[in-house]
Amino acid sequence: MTDWRDWVPSLCCPATRTSLRLDEAAGELVSDEAGLAYPIRDGVPVLLVEEARHLGEPRPTVTGNEGEFRGGA
């Protein structure tokens, strides 16, 4: 099975249609052009603008495994 991270170069920001970069430490896919960070929840990228965090905002407090980055597929 292919690791979803192999697809990151093919993914684009739904707001700007520009490339995303993976921030594994934060567990987010970042669109520098849009100033948005899309969460990765339970190992699944959530590419919904309404779920994205503005880069100037603090990261939300994580409870349980929500927002946990799992390096696997």
C-alpha atoms as a PDB file:
ATOM      1  CA  MET A   1       0.000   0.000   0.000  1.00  0.00           C
ATOM      2  CA  THR A   2       1.243   3.471  -0.868  1.00  0.00           C
ATOM      3  CA  ASP A   3       1.968   5.893   1.954  1.00  0.00           C
ATOM      4  CA  TRP A   4      -0.262   8.983   1.576  1.00  0.00           C
ATOM      5  CA  ARG A   5       2.794  11.186   2.083  1.00  0.00           C
ATOM      6  CA  ASP A   6       3.955  10.067  -1.370  1.00  0.00           C
ATOM      7  CA  TRP A   7       0.965  12.012  -2.703  1.00  0.00           C
ATOM      8  CA  VAL A   8       1.835  15.330  -1.006  1.00  0.00           C
ATOM      9  CA  PRO A   9       3.549  16.712  -4.145  1.00  0.00           C
ATOM     10  CA  SER A  10       0.314  16.047  -6.068  1.00  0.00           C
ATOM     11  CA  LEU A  11      -2.001  17.610  -3.479  1.00  0.00           C
ATOM     12  CA  CYS A  12      -3.052  21.234  -3.703  1.00  0.00           C
ATOM     13  CA  CYS A  13      -4.655  23.789  -1.455  1.00  0.00           C
ATOM     14  CA  PRO A  14      -8.411  23.814  -2.073  1.00  0.00           C
ATOM     15  CA  ALA A  15      -8.480  27.600  -1.608  1.00  0.00           C
ATOM     16  CA  THR A  16      -5.661  28.603  -3.973  1.00  0.00           C
ATOM     17  CA  ARG A  17      -4.893  25.459  -5.994  1.00  0.00           C
ATOM     18  CA  THR A  18      -1.218  25.882  -5.070  1.00  0.00           C
ATOM     19  CA  SER A  19       1.129  23.286  -3.608  1.00  0.00           C
ATOM     20  CA  LEU A  20       1.187  22.196   0.024  1.00  0.00           C
ATOM     21  CA  ARG A  21       4.114  21.339   2.239  1.00  0.00           C
ATOM     22  CA  LEU A  22       4.060  18.749   4.975  1.00  0.00           C
ATOM     23  CA  ASP A  23       4.864  19.909   8.497  1.00  0.00           C
ATOM     24  CA  GLU A  24       5.219  16.545  10.247  1.00  0.00           C
ATOM     25  CA  ALA A  25       6.125  18.126  13.588  1.00  0.00           C
ATOM     26  CA  ALA A  26       2.840  20.053  13.656  1.00  0.00           C
ATOM     27  CA  GLY A  27       0.809  17.347  11.907  1.00  0.00           C
ATOM     28  CA  GLU A  28      -0.385  19.765   9.228  1.00  0.00           C
ATOM     29  CA  LEU A  29      -0.274  20.356   5.494  1.00  0.00           C
ATOM     30  CA  VAL A  30       0.606  24.017   4.971  1.00  0.00           C
ATOM     31  CA  SER A  31      -0.349  26.375   2.165  1.00  0.00           C
ATOM     32  CA  ASP A  32       2.040  29.298   2.429  1.00  0.00           C
ATOM     33  CA  GLU A  33       0.225  31.126  -0.367  1.00  0.00           C
ATOM     34  CA  ALA A  34      -3.146  30.943   1.415  1.00  0.00           C
ATOM     35  CA  GLY A  35      -1.682  31.284   4.900  1.00  0.00           C
ATOM     36  CA  LEU A  36      -3.557  28.143   5.964  1.00  0.00           C
ATOM     37  CA  ALA A  37      -2.578  24.937   7.727  1.00  0.00           C
ATOM     38  CA  TYR A  38      -4.769  21.894   7.116  1.00  0.00           C
ATOM     39  CA  PRO A  39      -4.877  19.364   9.974  1.00  0.00           C
ATOM     40  CA  ILE A  40      -3.950  15.711   9.733  1.00  0.00           C
ATOM     41  CA  ARG A  41      -6.345  13.747  11.940  1.00  0.00           C
ATOM     42  CA  ASP A  42      -5.849  10.083  12.687  1.00  0.00           C
ATOM     43  CA  GLY A  43      -3.337   9.978   9.851  1.00  0.00           C
ATOM     44  CA  VAL A  44      -5.775  11.483   7.314  1.00  0.00           C
ATOM     45  CA  PRO A  45      -5.243  14.940   5.771  1.00  0.00           C
ATOM     46  CA  VAL A  46      -8.363  17.107   6.159  1.00  0.00           C
ATOM     47  CA  LEU A  47      -8.329  19.416   3.121  1.00  0.00           C
ATOM     48  CA  LEU A  48     -11.361  21.506   3.999  1.00  0.00           C
ATOM     49  CA  VAL A  49     -10.920  25.285   4.151  1.00  0.00           C
ATOM     50  CA  GLU A  50     -13.355  25.515   7.073  1.00  0.00           C
ATOM     51  CA  GLU A  51     -11.154  23.093   9.061  1.00  0.00           C
ATOM     52  CA  ALA A  52      -7.889  24.911   8.295  1.00  0.00           C
ATOM     53  CA  ARG A  53      -6.042  27.095  10.770  1.00  0.00           C
ATOM     54  CA  HIS A  54      -4.763  30.529   9.737  1.00  0.00           C
ATOM     55  CA  LEU A  55      -0.990  30.523  10.107  1.00  0.00           C
ATOM     56  CA  GLY A  56      -1.095  33.519  12.452  1.00  0.00           C
ATOM     57  CA  GLU A  57      -3.389  31.687  14.884  1.00  0.00           C
ATOM     58  CA  PRO A  58      -2.088  29.404  17.619  1.00  0.00           C
ATOM     59  CA  ARG A  59      -2.457  25.685  17.120  1.00  0.00           C
ATOM     60  CA  PRO A  60      -5.508  24.248  18.869  1.00  0.00           C
ATOM     61  CA  THR A  61      -5.055  22.254  22.036  1.00  0.00           C
ATOM     62  CA  VAL A  62      -5.000  18.562  21.208  1.00  0.00           C
ATOM     63  CA  THR A  63      -7.164  16.236  23.278  1.00  0.00           C
ATOM     64  CA  GLY A  64      -7.110  12.479  22.878  1.00  0.00           C
ATOM     65  CA  ASN A  65      -5.777  11.431  19.484  1.00  0.00           C
ATOM     66  CA  GLU A  66      -7.448  14.231  17.518  1.00  0.00           C
ATOM     67  CA  GLY A  67      -4.764  15.955  15.519  1.00  0.00           C
ATOM     68  CA  GLU A  68      -2.294  13.180  16.171  1.00  0.00           C
ATOM     69  CA  PHE A  69       0.025  12.614  13.245  1.00  0.00           C
ATOM     70  CA  ARG A  70       0.580   8.998  12.457  1.00  0.00           C
ATOM     71  CA  GLY A  71       3.448   8.466  10.103  1.00  0.00           C
ATOM     72  CA  GLY A  72       1.966   5.345   8.506  1.00  0.00           C
ATOM     73  CA  ALA A  73      -0.400   4.930   5.637  1.00  0.00           C
END
